[in-house]
């Protein structure tokens, strides 16, 4: 059986999200969720970078900049939402950012008023 990409980190991220959701719920401001999640991730001994600037590259040339909510251990992008549902457009935009970055794994996480939704995106076909 093939192991999960960044298995330990993924487990900790999911656990941190559930801890925050169980305490704060969903539907509150994204910046508040982000602050709480950052504290929770740090308590799990993960390295956190908040709102870093990431180059988006097309055919070897920088074409733009993406600012995700959190980067974990310099390897995983985390984008946080707090709305009733994640749209296909949200997913497509996040997927495009992941593909255009040097990162292989990303989480699109929605702290909706009715449920916690964690979507894991993998893009391992990197050209570097």
N, C-alpha and C. Protein backbone atom coordinates (compact mmCIF):
# COMPACT_ATOMS: atom_id res chain seq x y z
N UNK A 1 0.84 -1.19 0.00
CA UNK A 1 0.00 0.00 0.00
C UNK A 1 0.88 1.24 0.00
N UNK A 2 0.59 2.16 -0.88
CA UNK A 2 1.33 3.40 -0.99
C UNK A 2 0.98 4.32 0.18
N UNK A 3 1.99 4.99 0.75
CA UNK A 3 1.71 5.86 1.89
C UNK A 3 1.13 7.19 1.42
N UNK A 4 0.39 7.81 2.29
CA UNK A 4 -0.25 9.09 2.02
C UNK A 4 0.80 10.19 2.01
N UNK A 5 0.72 11.11 1.05
CA UNK A 5 1.64 12.24 0.98
C UNK A 5 1.50 13.10 2.23
N UNK A 6 2.62 13.31 2.93
CA UNK A 6 2.63 14.09 4.18
C UNK A 6 1.56 13.58 5.15
N UNK A 7 1.59 12.30 5.41
CA UNK A 7 0.56 11.64 6.21
C UNK A 7 0.45 12.22 7.62
N UNK A 8 1.57 12.36 8.33
CA UNK A 8 1.54 12.86 9.70
C UNK A 8 1.00 14.29 9.76
N UNK A 9 1.50 15.13 8.86
CA UNK A 9 1.04 16.52 8.82
C UNK A 9 -0.45 16.59 8.48
N UNK A 10 -0.88 15.78 7.52
CA UNK A 10 -2.29 15.77 7.13
C UNK A 10 -3.18 15.39 8.30
N UNK A 11 -2.76 14.40 9.05
CA UNK A 11 -3.53 13.96 10.22
C UNK A 11 -3.63 15.10 11.25
N UNK A 12 -2.51 15.78 11.49
CA UNK A 12 -2.50 16.87 12.46
C UNK A 12 -3.35 18.05 11.99
N UNK A 13 -3.31 18.34 10.69
CA UNK A 13 -4.12 19.44 10.14
C UNK A 13 -5.60 19.15 10.34
N UNK A 14 -6.01 17.95 9.98
CA UNK A 14 -7.42 17.57 10.14
C UNK A 14 -7.84 17.63 11.61
N UNK A 15 -7.01 17.13 12.49
CA UNK A 15 -7.32 17.17 13.92
C UNK A 15 -7.45 18.60 14.43
N UNK A 16 -6.54 19.46 13.99
CA UNK A 16 -6.58 20.86 14.41
C UNK A 16 -7.87 21.53 13.92
N UNK A 17 -8.26 21.23 12.70
CA UNK A 17 -9.50 21.80 12.16
C UNK A 17 -10.71 21.36 12.96
N UNK A 18 -10.78 20.08 13.29
CA UNK A 18 -11.91 19.59 14.09
C UNK A 18 -11.91 20.22 15.49
N UNK A 19 -10.74 20.39 16.08
CA UNK A 19 -10.68 21.03 17.40
C UNK A 19 -11.22 22.45 17.35
N UNK A 20 -10.80 23.22 16.35
CA UNK A 20 -11.27 24.59 16.21
C UNK A 20 -12.77 24.62 15.94
N UNK A 21 -13.23 23.76 15.04
CA UNK A 21 -14.66 23.74 14.70
C UNK A 21 -15.51 23.35 15.90
N UNK A 22 -15.04 22.39 16.69
CA UNK A 22 -15.80 21.96 17.86
C UNK A 22 -15.92 23.06 18.90
N UNK A 23 -14.94 23.93 18.97
CA UNK A 23 -14.97 25.01 19.96
C UNK A 23 -15.67 26.26 19.41
N UNK A 24 -15.31 26.70 18.21
CA UNK A 24 -15.84 27.95 17.67
C UNK A 24 -17.04 27.77 16.74
N UNK A 25 -17.17 26.59 16.17
CA UNK A 25 -18.21 26.40 15.17
C UNK A 25 -17.79 27.01 13.85
N UNK A 26 -18.74 27.23 12.98
CA UNK A 26 -18.44 27.80 11.67
C UNK A 26 -19.25 29.05 11.42
N UNK A 27 -18.99 29.65 10.28
CA UNK A 27 -19.73 30.83 9.89
C UNK A 27 -19.23 32.12 10.52
N UNK A 28 -18.07 32.07 11.18
CA UNK A 28 -17.51 33.29 11.74
C UNK A 28 -16.39 33.80 10.82
N UNK A 29 -15.87 34.97 11.10
CA UNK A 29 -14.89 35.58 10.19
C UNK A 29 -13.69 34.67 9.96
N UNK A 30 -13.25 34.65 8.70
CA UNK A 30 -12.11 33.82 8.32
C UNK A 30 -10.85 34.17 9.11
N UNK A 31 -10.63 35.45 9.37
CA UNK A 31 -9.42 35.83 10.10
C UNK A 31 -9.42 35.29 11.53
N UNK A 32 -10.59 35.18 12.13
CA UNK A 32 -10.68 34.60 13.48
C UNK A 32 -10.40 33.11 13.43
N UNK A 33 -11.01 32.43 12.45
CA UNK A 33 -10.75 31.00 12.26
C UNK A 33 -9.25 30.77 12.01
N UNK A 34 -8.67 31.60 11.16
CA UNK A 34 -7.25 31.45 10.81
C UNK A 34 -6.37 31.60 12.04
N UNK A 35 -6.67 32.57 12.88
CA UNK A 35 -5.89 32.77 14.11
C UNK A 35 -6.01 31.57 15.05
N UNK A 36 -7.23 31.08 15.22
CA UNK A 36 -7.44 29.92 16.09
C UNK A 36 -6.75 28.68 15.52
N UNK A 37 -6.88 28.48 14.22
CA UNK A 37 -6.26 27.32 13.59
C UNK A 37 -4.74 27.40 13.68
N UNK A 38 -4.20 28.59 13.52
CA UNK A 38 -2.75 28.78 13.64
C UNK A 38 -2.28 28.36 15.03
N UNK A 39 -2.98 28.78 16.06
CA UNK A 39 -2.62 28.39 17.43
C UNK A 39 -2.69 26.88 17.59
N UNK A 40 -3.73 26.29 17.06
CA UNK A 40 -3.92 24.83 17.18
C UNK A 40 -2.81 24.08 16.44
N UNK A 41 -2.46 24.54 15.26
CA UNK A 41 -1.39 23.88 14.48
C UNK A 41 -0.04 24.03 15.17
N UNK A 42 0.23 25.19 15.74
CA UNK A 42 1.48 25.39 16.48
C UNK A 42 1.55 24.47 17.69
N UNK A 43 0.41 24.24 18.34
CA UNK A 43 0.39 23.34 19.50
C UNK A 43 0.68 21.89 19.09
N UNK A 44 0.52 21.59 17.81
CA UNK A 44 0.83 20.25 17.28
C UNK A 44 2.25 20.20 16.70
N UNK A 45 3.04 21.23 17.05
CA UNK A 45 4.46 21.32 16.66
C UNK A 45 4.66 21.36 15.15
N UNK A 46 3.77 22.05 14.46
CA UNK A 46 3.92 22.27 13.03
C UNK A 46 4.46 23.68 12.83
N UNK A 47 5.30 23.85 11.81
CA UNK A 47 5.83 25.17 11.47
C UNK A 47 4.80 25.89 10.61
N UNK A 48 4.46 27.11 11.00
CA UNK A 48 3.41 27.86 10.34
C UNK A 48 3.96 29.16 9.74
N UNK A 49 3.52 29.45 8.53
CA UNK A 49 3.79 30.74 7.91
C UNK A 49 2.44 31.31 7.48
N UNK A 50 2.10 32.48 8.01
CA UNK A 50 0.81 33.09 7.70
C UNK A 50 0.91 34.05 6.52
N UNK A 51 0.01 33.89 5.59
CA UNK A 51 -0.13 34.71 4.40
C UNK A 51 1.18 35.03 3.68
N UNK A 52 1.95 33.99 3.35
CA UNK A 52 3.17 34.23 2.58
C UNK A 52 2.83 34.53 1.12
N UNK A 53 3.73 35.12 0.44
CA UNK A 53 3.58 35.39 -0.99
C UNK A 53 4.21 34.23 -1.76
N UNK A 54 3.43 33.62 -2.63
CA UNK A 54 3.90 32.47 -3.41
C UNK A 54 3.84 32.85 -4.89
N UNK A 55 4.93 32.59 -5.57
CA UNK A 55 4.96 32.83 -7.01
C UNK A 55 4.13 31.78 -7.73
N UNK A 56 3.36 32.22 -8.71
CA UNK A 56 2.65 31.32 -9.60
C UNK A 56 3.41 31.33 -10.92
N UNK A 57 3.75 30.13 -11.39
CA UNK A 57 4.64 30.00 -12.53
C UNK A 57 3.92 29.29 -13.68
N UNK A 58 4.17 29.78 -14.88
CA UNK A 58 3.64 29.17 -16.10
C UNK A 58 4.80 29.03 -17.08
N UNK A 59 5.07 27.79 -17.49
CA UNK A 59 6.17 27.49 -18.41
C UNK A 59 7.48 28.14 -17.97
N UNK A 60 7.74 28.00 -16.66
CA UNK A 60 9.00 28.48 -16.11
C UNK A 60 9.07 29.97 -15.84
N UNK A 61 8.00 30.71 -16.10
CA UNK A 61 7.99 32.16 -15.88
C UNK A 61 6.97 32.52 -14.81
N UNK A 62 7.36 33.43 -13.93
CA UNK A 62 6.46 33.93 -12.92
C UNK A 62 5.37 34.76 -13.60
N UNK A 63 4.11 34.40 -13.33
CA UNK A 63 3.00 35.12 -13.94
C UNK A 63 2.10 35.80 -12.92
N UNK A 64 2.36 35.55 -11.65
CA UNK A 64 1.53 36.17 -10.63
C UNK A 64 1.95 35.75 -9.24
N UNK A 65 1.19 36.25 -8.29
CA UNK A 65 1.46 35.95 -6.88
C UNK A 65 0.15 35.49 -6.24
N UNK A 66 0.25 34.49 -5.41
CA UNK A 66 -0.88 33.96 -4.64
C UNK A 66 -0.52 34.08 -3.17
N UNK A 67 -1.47 34.51 -2.36
CA UNK A 67 -1.24 34.64 -0.92
C UNK A 67 -2.21 33.70 -0.19
N UNK A 68 -1.75 32.49 0.12
CA UNK A 68 -2.61 31.56 0.85
C UNK A 68 -2.72 31.98 2.32
N UNK A 69 -3.70 31.42 3.01
CA UNK A 69 -3.86 31.74 4.43
C UNK A 69 -2.69 31.23 5.26
N UNK A 70 -2.29 29.98 5.02
CA UNK A 70 -1.24 29.35 5.84
C UNK A 70 -0.41 28.41 4.96
N UNK A 71 0.89 28.37 5.24
CA UNK A 71 1.76 27.32 4.71
C UNK A 71 2.26 26.55 5.93
N UNK A 72 2.20 25.22 5.85
CA UNK A 72 2.61 24.36 6.96
C UNK A 72 3.88 23.61 6.58
N UNK A 73 4.88 23.70 7.44
CA UNK A 73 6.16 22.99 7.28
C UNK A 73 6.79 23.23 5.90
N UNK A 74 6.55 24.38 5.34
CA UNK A 74 7.09 24.73 4.01
C UNK A 74 6.68 23.73 2.92
N UNK A 75 5.61 22.97 3.13
CA UNK A 75 5.23 21.94 2.17
C UNK A 75 3.75 21.90 1.81
N UNK A 76 2.88 22.47 2.65
CA UNK A 76 1.43 22.30 2.46
C UNK A 76 0.73 23.66 2.48
N UNK A 77 -0.07 23.91 1.46
CA UNK A 77 -0.88 25.13 1.39
C UNK A 77 -2.22 24.88 2.08
N UNK A 78 -2.66 25.84 2.90
CA UNK A 78 -3.97 25.77 3.53
C UNK A 78 -4.74 27.05 3.19
N UNK A 79 -5.90 26.88 2.62
CA UNK A 79 -6.79 28.00 2.32
C UNK A 79 -8.06 27.81 3.13
N UNK A 80 -8.46 28.85 3.85
CA UNK A 80 -9.60 28.77 4.76
C UNK A 80 -10.76 29.57 4.22
N UNK A 81 -11.94 28.98 4.29
CA UNK A 81 -13.18 29.64 3.94
C UNK A 81 -14.13 29.56 5.12
N UNK A 82 -15.08 30.48 5.16
CA UNK A 82 -16.12 30.46 6.18
C UNK A 82 -17.41 30.95 5.52
N UNK A 83 -18.03 30.04 4.80
CA UNK A 83 -19.25 30.38 4.07
C UNK A 83 -20.14 29.15 3.98
N UNK A 84 -21.37 29.31 3.55
CA UNK A 84 -22.30 28.16 3.55
C UNK A 84 -21.79 26.94 2.78
N UNK A 85 -21.10 27.15 1.65
CA UNK A 85 -20.57 26.01 0.91
C UNK A 85 -19.40 26.43 0.04
N UNK A 86 -18.57 25.45 -0.30
CA UNK A 86 -17.46 25.68 -1.23
C UNK A 86 -18.00 25.45 -2.64
N UNK A 87 -17.79 26.43 -3.49
CA UNK A 87 -18.29 26.31 -4.86
C UNK A 87 -17.26 25.60 -5.74
N UNK A 88 -17.71 25.17 -6.90
CA UNK A 88 -16.80 24.58 -7.89
C UNK A 88 -15.76 25.61 -8.30
N UNK A 89 -16.14 26.89 -8.33
CA UNK A 89 -15.20 27.95 -8.68
C UNK A 89 -14.10 28.07 -7.62
N UNK A 90 -14.47 27.95 -6.33
CA UNK A 90 -13.47 27.97 -5.25
C UNK A 90 -12.47 26.84 -5.45
N UNK A 91 -13.00 25.64 -5.75
CA UNK A 91 -12.14 24.48 -5.95
C UNK A 91 -11.24 24.65 -7.16
N UNK A 92 -11.80 25.15 -8.26
CA UNK A 92 -11.02 25.34 -9.48
C UNK A 92 -9.91 26.37 -9.26
N UNK A 93 -10.23 27.47 -8.58
CA UNK A 93 -9.23 28.50 -8.31
C UNK A 93 -8.12 27.94 -7.42
N UNK A 94 -8.48 27.21 -6.37
CA UNK A 94 -7.48 26.64 -5.48
C UNK A 94 -6.59 25.64 -6.23
N UNK A 95 -7.21 24.80 -7.04
CA UNK A 95 -6.47 23.82 -7.83
C UNK A 95 -5.47 24.52 -8.77
N UNK A 96 -5.90 25.61 -9.38
CA UNK A 96 -5.01 26.37 -10.27
C UNK A 96 -3.82 26.93 -9.52
N UNK A 97 -4.06 27.46 -8.32
CA UNK A 97 -2.96 27.98 -7.52
C UNK A 97 -1.99 26.87 -7.13
N UNK A 98 -2.53 25.72 -6.73
CA UNK A 98 -1.67 24.60 -6.35
C UNK A 98 -0.83 24.14 -7.54
N UNK A 99 -1.44 23.99 -8.69
CA UNK A 99 -0.73 23.56 -9.90
C UNK A 99 0.35 24.56 -10.31
N UNK A 100 0.07 25.84 -10.13
CA UNK A 100 1.02 26.87 -10.52
C UNK A 100 2.12 27.15 -9.51
N UNK A 101 2.02 26.50 -8.36
CA UNK A 101 3.03 26.69 -7.30
C UNK A 101 3.99 25.50 -7.29
N UNK A 102 4.96 25.56 -6.42
CA UNK A 102 5.89 24.45 -6.25
C UNK A 102 5.40 23.43 -5.22
N UNK A 103 4.25 23.68 -4.62
CA UNK A 103 3.72 22.80 -3.58
C UNK A 103 2.96 21.63 -4.19
N UNK A 104 3.03 20.48 -3.50
CA UNK A 104 2.37 19.27 -3.99
C UNK A 104 1.02 19.02 -3.30
N UNK A 105 0.83 19.57 -2.11
CA UNK A 105 -0.37 19.26 -1.33
C UNK A 105 -1.02 20.54 -0.82
N UNK A 106 -2.35 20.58 -0.88
CA UNK A 106 -3.08 21.71 -0.35
C UNK A 106 -4.40 21.27 0.25
N UNK A 107 -4.84 22.04 1.22
CA UNK A 107 -6.13 21.81 1.86
C UNK A 107 -7.01 23.04 1.67
N UNK A 108 -8.19 22.83 1.15
CA UNK A 108 -9.22 23.87 1.08
C UNK A 108 -10.22 23.51 2.16
N UNK A 109 -10.31 24.36 3.18
CA UNK A 109 -11.09 24.03 4.38
C UNK A 109 -12.18 25.07 4.57
N UNK A 110 -13.42 24.59 4.69
CA UNK A 110 -14.55 25.48 4.89
C UNK A 110 -15.17 25.25 6.26
N UNK A 111 -15.14 26.29 7.08
CA UNK A 111 -15.78 26.28 8.38
C UNK A 111 -17.18 26.86 8.19
N UNK A 112 -18.06 26.06 7.57
CA UNK A 112 -19.41 26.54 7.26
C UNK A 112 -20.25 26.52 8.54
N UNK A 113 -21.36 27.24 8.53
CA UNK A 113 -22.23 27.24 9.71
C UNK A 113 -22.79 25.86 10.04
N UNK A 114 -22.92 24.99 9.04
CA UNK A 114 -23.56 23.69 9.27
C UNK A 114 -22.59 22.52 9.40
N UNK A 115 -21.36 22.64 8.86
CA UNK A 115 -20.41 21.53 8.94
C UNK A 115 -19.01 21.97 8.57
N UNK A 116 -18.05 21.18 8.98
CA UNK A 116 -16.65 21.39 8.60
C UNK A 116 -16.38 20.57 7.35
N UNK A 117 -15.86 21.22 6.31
CA UNK A 117 -15.55 20.53 5.07
C UNK A 117 -14.06 20.68 4.80
N UNK A 118 -13.37 19.55 4.67
CA UNK A 118 -11.93 19.56 4.41
C UNK A 118 -11.70 18.85 3.08
N UNK A 119 -11.18 19.60 2.12
CA UNK A 119 -10.87 19.03 0.81
C UNK A 119 -9.36 19.03 0.63
N UNK A 120 -8.84 17.86 0.29
CA UNK A 120 -7.39 17.66 0.13
C UNK A 120 -7.07 17.55 -1.35
N UNK A 121 -6.16 18.39 -1.83
CA UNK A 121 -5.77 18.41 -3.23
C UNK A 121 -4.30 18.02 -3.35
N UNK A 122 -4.00 17.14 -4.30
CA UNK A 122 -2.64 16.68 -4.51
C UNK A 122 -2.24 16.95 -5.95
N UNK A 123 -1.07 17.56 -6.13
CA UNK A 123 -0.52 17.74 -7.48
C UNK A 123 0.96 17.38 -7.42
N UNK A 124 1.28 16.16 -7.79
CA UNK A 124 2.66 15.66 -7.67
C UNK A 124 3.45 15.75 -8.95
N UNK A 125 2.85 16.14 -10.03
CA UNK A 125 3.55 16.21 -11.31
C UNK A 125 4.23 17.56 -11.47
N UNK A 126 5.21 17.82 -10.61
CA UNK A 126 5.93 19.09 -10.63
C UNK A 126 7.17 18.95 -11.51
N UNK A 127 7.53 20.04 -12.17
CA UNK A 127 8.66 20.00 -13.09
C UNK A 127 9.94 20.62 -12.50
N UNK A 128 10.17 20.41 -11.23
CA UNK A 128 11.39 20.99 -10.66
C UNK A 128 12.15 19.99 -9.85
